């Protein structure tokens, strides 16, 4: 395990719509860059952009992966995302179910060495 105690992270990304979030999440799991993914299909987002308040109806993608695979998972998520510079947040997991965290590590496995 790494310095965060569990070796696991949660990636959070806003996505234009549910289908896109599901496509990206499933791709990451199939490629073993993520152990699991969840989609909140309807969120209401707001932020300032170019001096104006923006409101969006989007989906939220939650991805669990290892600290070791996080950078690769984020790069893949960015490549598949419809926005050229998507919001992707990484949250360090500092605790949780030991059996789940062990399963997570086994599902993503180590990064391939070149």
N, C-alpha and C. Protein backbone atom coordinates (compact mmCIF):
# COMPACT_ATOMS: atom_id res chain seq x y z
N UNK A 1 0.85 -1.18 0.00
CA UNK A 1 0.00 0.00 0.00
C UNK A 1 0.88 1.24 0.00
N UNK A 2 0.29 2.35 -0.38
CA UNK A 2 1.05 3.58 -0.49
C UNK A 2 0.84 4.46 0.73
N UNK A 3 1.36 5.68 0.66
CA UNK A 3 1.32 6.60 1.77
C UNK A 3 -0.07 7.00 2.23
N UNK A 4 -1.10 6.78 1.41
CA UNK A 4 -2.44 7.18 1.84
C UNK A 4 -3.08 6.13 2.72
N UNK A 5 -2.42 5.01 2.94
CA UNK A 5 -2.94 4.01 3.85
C UNK A 5 -3.69 2.87 3.20
N UNK A 6 -4.38 3.10 2.10
CA UNK A 6 -5.15 2.04 1.46
C UNK A 6 -4.68 1.72 0.06
N UNK A 7 -4.00 2.64 -0.59
CA UNK A 7 -3.60 2.45 -1.98
C UNK A 7 -4.76 2.61 -2.94
N UNK A 8 -5.86 3.23 -2.48
CA UNK A 8 -7.06 3.36 -3.31
C UNK A 8 -7.46 4.83 -3.44
N UNK A 9 -8.07 5.15 -4.57
CA UNK A 9 -8.59 6.49 -4.80
C UNK A 9 -9.97 6.41 -5.43
N UNK A 10 -10.72 7.48 -5.27
CA UNK A 10 -12.01 7.65 -5.92
C UNK A 10 -11.84 8.77 -6.93
N UNK A 11 -12.16 8.50 -8.18
CA UNK A 11 -12.15 9.53 -9.21
C UNK A 11 -13.58 10.00 -9.42
N UNK A 12 -13.75 11.30 -9.51
CA UNK A 12 -15.06 11.90 -9.70
C UNK A 12 -15.00 12.75 -10.96
N UNK A 13 -15.95 12.53 -11.86
CA UNK A 13 -15.97 13.30 -13.10
C UNK A 13 -17.41 13.63 -13.48
N UNK A 14 -17.63 14.90 -13.84
CA UNK A 14 -18.93 15.27 -14.41
C UNK A 14 -18.88 14.94 -15.89
N UNK A 15 -20.00 14.41 -16.40
CA UNK A 15 -20.08 13.96 -17.79
C UNK A 15 -21.38 14.50 -18.38
N UNK A 16 -21.41 14.75 -19.68
CA UNK A 16 -22.56 15.38 -20.33
C UNK A 16 -23.86 14.62 -20.10
N UNK A 17 -23.80 13.28 -20.16
CA UNK A 17 -25.04 12.51 -20.02
C UNK A 17 -24.74 11.10 -19.53
N UNK A 18 -25.78 10.43 -19.08
CA UNK A 18 -25.66 9.10 -18.50
C UNK A 18 -24.97 8.11 -19.43
N UNK A 19 -25.36 8.06 -20.69
CA UNK A 19 -24.79 7.08 -21.62
C UNK A 19 -23.28 7.26 -21.75
N UNK A 20 -22.82 8.48 -21.79
CA UNK A 20 -21.38 8.74 -21.88
C UNK A 20 -20.68 8.27 -20.61
N UNK A 21 -21.26 8.56 -19.45
CA UNK A 21 -20.68 8.13 -18.18
C UNK A 21 -20.59 6.61 -18.11
N UNK A 22 -21.64 5.93 -18.51
CA UNK A 22 -21.63 4.47 -18.49
C UNK A 22 -20.59 3.91 -19.45
N UNK A 23 -20.50 4.48 -20.65
CA UNK A 23 -19.52 4.02 -21.64
C UNK A 23 -18.10 4.17 -21.11
N UNK A 24 -17.79 5.33 -20.53
CA UNK A 24 -16.44 5.57 -20.00
C UNK A 24 -16.16 4.64 -18.81
N UNK A 25 -17.10 4.56 -17.88
CA UNK A 25 -16.90 3.72 -16.70
C UNK A 25 -16.70 2.26 -17.04
N UNK A 26 -17.54 1.74 -17.92
CA UNK A 26 -17.41 0.35 -18.33
C UNK A 26 -16.08 0.09 -19.04
N UNK A 27 -15.66 1.04 -19.86
CA UNK A 27 -14.38 0.91 -20.56
C UNK A 27 -13.23 0.80 -19.56
N UNK A 28 -13.24 1.64 -18.53
CA UNK A 28 -12.18 1.62 -17.53
C UNK A 28 -12.15 0.31 -16.76
N UNK A 29 -13.32 -0.24 -16.45
CA UNK A 29 -13.39 -1.52 -15.74
C UNK A 29 -12.91 -2.65 -16.64
N UNK A 30 -13.35 -2.68 -17.89
CA UNK A 30 -12.93 -3.72 -18.83
C UNK A 30 -11.41 -3.70 -19.02
N UNK A 31 -10.84 -2.51 -19.08
CA UNK A 31 -9.37 -2.37 -19.26
C UNK A 31 -8.60 -2.58 -17.96
N UNK A 32 -9.33 -2.84 -16.86
CA UNK A 32 -8.75 -3.05 -15.53
C UNK A 32 -8.01 -1.82 -15.02
N UNK A 33 -8.44 -0.66 -15.49
CA UNK A 33 -7.93 0.60 -14.95
C UNK A 33 -8.75 1.04 -13.75
N UNK A 34 -9.90 0.41 -13.56
CA UNK A 34 -10.78 0.69 -12.43
C UNK A 34 -11.38 -0.62 -11.95
N UNK A 35 -11.64 -0.68 -10.64
CA UNK A 35 -12.29 -1.86 -10.09
C UNK A 35 -13.79 -1.77 -10.26
N UNK A 36 -14.32 -0.56 -10.11
CA UNK A 36 -15.77 -0.40 -10.24
C UNK A 36 -16.09 1.04 -10.61
N UNK A 37 -17.31 1.19 -11.07
CA UNK A 37 -17.80 2.52 -11.40
C UNK A 37 -19.27 2.64 -11.05
N UNK A 38 -19.68 3.84 -10.75
CA UNK A 38 -21.08 4.14 -10.47
C UNK A 38 -21.45 5.41 -11.21
N UNK A 39 -22.70 5.49 -11.64
CA UNK A 39 -23.18 6.67 -12.35
C UNK A 39 -24.39 7.22 -11.62
N UNK A 40 -24.32 8.48 -11.27
CA UNK A 40 -25.51 9.20 -10.81
C UNK A 40 -26.04 9.87 -12.07
N UNK A 41 -27.16 9.40 -12.60
CA UNK A 41 -27.58 9.78 -13.95
C UNK A 41 -28.06 11.22 -14.11
N UNK A 42 -28.46 11.88 -13.05
CA UNK A 42 -29.00 13.24 -13.21
C UNK A 42 -28.53 14.12 -12.07
N UNK A 43 -27.61 15.01 -12.38
CA UNK A 43 -27.19 16.01 -11.40
C UNK A 43 -27.39 17.39 -12.02
N UNK A 44 -27.52 18.36 -11.17
CA UNK A 44 -27.67 19.75 -11.61
C UNK A 44 -26.43 20.50 -11.16
N UNK A 45 -25.63 20.93 -12.10
CA UNK A 45 -24.36 21.59 -11.81
C UNK A 45 -24.46 23.07 -12.12
N UNK A 46 -23.69 23.85 -11.40
CA UNK A 46 -23.60 25.27 -11.69
C UNK A 46 -22.20 25.76 -11.37
N UNK A 47 -21.73 26.70 -12.17
CA UNK A 47 -20.39 27.27 -12.01
C UNK A 47 -20.32 28.58 -12.79
N UNK A 48 -19.31 29.35 -12.49
CA UNK A 48 -19.07 30.57 -13.26
C UNK A 48 -18.13 30.24 -14.41
N UNK A 49 -18.46 30.75 -15.59
CA UNK A 49 -17.62 30.57 -16.77
C UNK A 49 -17.66 31.86 -17.55
N UNK A 50 -16.49 32.42 -17.78
CA UNK A 50 -16.36 33.69 -18.51
C UNK A 50 -17.27 34.76 -17.91
N UNK A 51 -17.30 34.80 -16.58
CA UNK A 51 -18.02 35.84 -15.87
C UNK A 51 -19.52 35.63 -15.72
N UNK A 52 -20.04 34.53 -16.21
CA UNK A 52 -21.48 34.28 -16.13
C UNK A 52 -21.78 32.97 -15.41
N UNK A 53 -22.90 32.96 -14.70
CA UNK A 53 -23.34 31.73 -14.04
C UNK A 53 -23.86 30.75 -15.09
N UNK A 54 -23.32 29.56 -15.07
CA UNK A 54 -23.73 28.49 -16.00
C UNK A 54 -24.45 27.41 -15.20
N UNK A 55 -25.50 26.86 -15.77
CA UNK A 55 -26.24 25.74 -15.17
C UNK A 55 -26.26 24.60 -16.18
N UNK A 56 -26.00 23.40 -15.69
CA UNK A 56 -25.93 22.23 -16.56
C UNK A 56 -26.71 21.07 -15.95
N UNK A 57 -27.29 20.25 -16.78
CA UNK A 57 -27.84 18.96 -16.37
C UNK A 57 -26.86 17.92 -16.89
N UNK A 58 -26.26 17.17 -15.98
CA UNK A 58 -25.19 16.25 -16.34
C UNK A 58 -25.37 14.93 -15.59
N UNK A 59 -24.40 14.05 -15.77
CA UNK A 59 -24.29 12.82 -14.98
C UNK A 59 -22.98 12.89 -14.21
N UNK A 60 -22.91 12.15 -13.12
CA UNK A 60 -21.69 12.10 -12.32
C UNK A 60 -21.14 10.68 -12.36
N UNK A 61 -19.87 10.56 -12.72
CA UNK A 61 -19.20 9.27 -12.80
C UNK A 61 -18.27 9.14 -11.61
N UNK A 62 -18.43 8.05 -10.85
CA UNK A 62 -17.57 7.74 -9.71
C UNK A 62 -16.80 6.47 -10.05
N UNK A 63 -15.49 6.52 -9.94
CA UNK A 63 -14.63 5.39 -10.30
C UNK A 63 -13.71 5.07 -9.13
N UNK A 64 -13.62 3.79 -8.77
CA UNK A 64 -12.63 3.38 -7.76
C UNK A 64 -11.48 2.68 -8.47
N UNK A 65 -10.28 3.07 -8.09
CA UNK A 65 -9.08 2.49 -8.68
C UNK A 65 -7.96 2.55 -7.66
N UNK A 66 -6.83 2.04 -8.04
CA UNK A 66 -5.66 2.08 -7.15
C UNK A 66 -4.89 3.38 -7.38
N UNK A 67 -4.15 3.77 -6.37
CA UNK A 67 -3.29 4.94 -6.51
C UNK A 67 -2.33 4.75 -7.68
N UNK A 68 -1.82 3.54 -7.83
CA UNK A 68 -0.87 3.23 -8.89
C UNK A 68 -1.47 3.40 -10.29
N UNK A 69 -2.75 3.06 -10.46
CA UNK A 69 -3.37 3.11 -11.78
C UNK A 69 -4.14 4.42 -12.03
N UNK A 70 -4.21 5.30 -11.04
CA UNK A 70 -5.02 6.51 -11.15
C UNK A 70 -4.63 7.39 -12.33
N UNK A 71 -3.36 7.66 -12.52
CA UNK A 71 -2.93 8.55 -13.60
C UNK A 71 -3.34 7.98 -14.96
N UNK A 72 -3.17 6.67 -15.14
CA UNK A 72 -3.54 6.04 -16.40
C UNK A 72 -5.05 6.06 -16.60
N UNK A 73 -5.80 5.81 -15.52
CA UNK A 73 -7.27 5.86 -15.60
C UNK A 73 -7.74 7.27 -15.95
N UNK A 74 -7.11 8.27 -15.34
CA UNK A 74 -7.49 9.66 -15.64
C UNK A 74 -7.17 10.02 -17.09
N UNK A 75 -6.04 9.57 -17.59
CA UNK A 75 -5.68 9.86 -18.98
C UNK A 75 -6.69 9.23 -19.94
N UNK A 76 -7.10 8.01 -19.64
CA UNK A 76 -8.08 7.31 -20.49
C UNK A 76 -9.44 8.00 -20.40
N UNK A 77 -9.83 8.38 -19.19
CA UNK A 77 -11.10 9.10 -19.00
C UNK A 77 -11.09 10.40 -19.80
N UNK A 78 -9.99 11.11 -19.73
CA UNK A 78 -9.86 12.38 -20.46
C UNK A 78 -9.96 12.14 -21.97
N UNK A 79 -9.34 11.08 -22.46
CA UNK A 79 -9.36 10.78 -23.90
C UNK A 79 -10.76 10.42 -24.39
N UNK A 80 -11.56 9.79 -23.54
CA UNK A 80 -12.90 9.34 -23.92
C UNK A 80 -13.99 10.38 -23.67
N UNK A 81 -13.68 11.40 -22.90
CA UNK A 81 -14.66 12.40 -22.47
C UNK A 81 -15.00 13.35 -23.61
N UNK A 82 -16.26 13.79 -23.66
CA UNK A 82 -16.70 14.69 -24.73
C UNK A 82 -16.19 16.12 -24.57
N UNK A 83 -15.80 16.50 -23.37
CA UNK A 83 -15.28 17.86 -23.15
C UNK A 83 -13.76 17.83 -23.31
N UNK A 84 -13.15 18.83 -23.93
CA UNK A 84 -11.71 18.80 -24.16
C UNK A 84 -10.88 18.89 -22.87
N UNK A 85 -11.43 19.45 -21.81
CA UNK A 85 -10.70 19.57 -20.54
C UNK A 85 -11.68 19.30 -19.39
N UNK A 86 -12.04 18.01 -19.20
CA UNK A 86 -13.08 17.69 -18.22
C UNK A 86 -12.61 17.87 -16.78
N UNK A 87 -13.59 18.10 -15.91
CA UNK A 87 -13.33 18.12 -14.48
C UNK A 87 -13.13 16.68 -14.03
N UNK A 88 -11.95 16.39 -13.50
CA UNK A 88 -11.66 15.08 -12.91
C UNK A 88 -11.01 15.35 -11.56
N UNK A 89 -11.61 14.84 -10.51
CA UNK A 89 -11.07 15.00 -9.17
C UNK A 89 -10.64 13.65 -8.63
N UNK A 90 -9.54 13.63 -7.90
CA UNK A 90 -9.04 12.42 -7.27
C UNK A 90 -9.14 12.60 -5.76
N UNK A 91 -9.81 11.68 -5.10
CA UNK A 91 -9.96 11.71 -3.65
C UNK A 91 -9.25 10.49 -3.07
N UNK A 92 -8.31 10.72 -2.16
CA UNK A 92 -7.60 9.63 -1.52
C UNK A 92 -8.54 8.90 -0.57
N UNK A 93 -8.56 7.58 -0.65
CA UNK A 93 -9.36 6.76 0.26
C UNK A 93 -8.47 6.42 1.45
N UNK A 94 -8.84 6.89 2.62
CA UNK A 94 -8.00 6.70 3.80
C UNK A 94 -8.48 5.57 4.69
N UNK A 95 -9.61 4.97 4.35
CA UNK A 95 -10.12 3.85 5.13
C UNK A 95 -11.29 3.23 4.41
N UNK A 96 -11.80 2.15 4.98
CA UNK A 96 -12.95 1.47 4.39
C UNK A 96 -12.89 -0.01 4.66
N UNK A 97 -13.77 -0.73 4.05
CA UNK A 97 -13.84 -2.18 4.22
C UNK A 97 -12.56 -2.83 3.71
N UNK A 98 -11.87 -3.53 4.59
CA UNK A 98 -10.61 -4.18 4.21
C UNK A 98 -10.81 -5.18 3.08
N UNK A 99 -11.92 -5.93 3.12
CA UNK A 99 -12.15 -6.92 2.06
C UNK A 99 -12.43 -6.24 0.73
N UNK A 100 -13.16 -5.13 0.74
CA UNK A 100 -13.41 -4.40 -0.49
C UNK A 100 -12.10 -3.83 -1.05
N UNK A 101 -11.30 -3.22 -0.19
CA UNK A 101 -10.05 -2.62 -0.65
C UNK A 101 -9.09 -3.66 -1.20
N UNK A 102 -9.09 -4.86 -0.62
CA UNK A 102 -8.27 -5.95 -1.16
C UNK A 102 -8.78 -6.37 -2.53
N UNK A 103 -10.11 -6.50 -2.65
CA UNK A 103 -10.72 -6.85 -3.94
C UNK A 103 -10.36 -5.80 -4.99
N UNK A 104 -10.46 -4.52 -4.62
CA UNK A 104 -10.14 -3.42 -5.55
C UNK A 104 -8.72 -3.60 -6.09
N UNK A 105 -7.76 -3.82 -5.21
CA UNK A 105 -6.35 -3.97 -5.64
C UNK A 105 -6.20 -5.16 -6.58
N UNK A 106 -6.89 -6.25 -6.29
CA UNK A 106 -6.80 -7.43 -7.16
C UNK A 106 -7.45 -7.20 -8.53
N UNK A 107 -8.50 -6.42 -8.58
CA UNK A 107 -9.19 -6.15 -9.84
C UNK A 107 -8.39 -5.26 -10.78
N UNK A 108 -7.73 -4.25 -10.26
CA UNK A 108 -6.99 -3.35 -11.14
C UNK A 108 -5.60 -3.86 -11.45
N UNK A 109 -5.01 -4.57 -10.53
CA UNK A 109 -3.69 -5.14 -10.76
C UNK A 109 -2.64 -4.06 -11.00
N UNK A 110 -1.40 -4.47 -11.08
CA UNK A 110 -0.32 -3.51 -11.29
C UNK A 110 -0.31 -2.95 -12.71
N UNK A 111 0.24 -1.77 -12.85
CA UNK A 111 0.41 -1.17 -14.18
C UNK A 111 1.42 -2.00 -14.96
N UNK A 112 1.19 -2.12 -16.27
CA UNK A 112 2.12 -2.86 -17.12
C UNK A 112 3.42 -2.10 -17.23
N UNK A 113 4.49 -2.81 -17.13
CA UNK A 113 5.83 -2.22 -17.23
C UNK A 113 6.30 -2.35 -18.67
N UNK A 114 6.99 -1.30 -19.16
CA UNK A 114 7.49 -1.39 -20.55
C UNK A 114 8.98 -1.64 -20.56
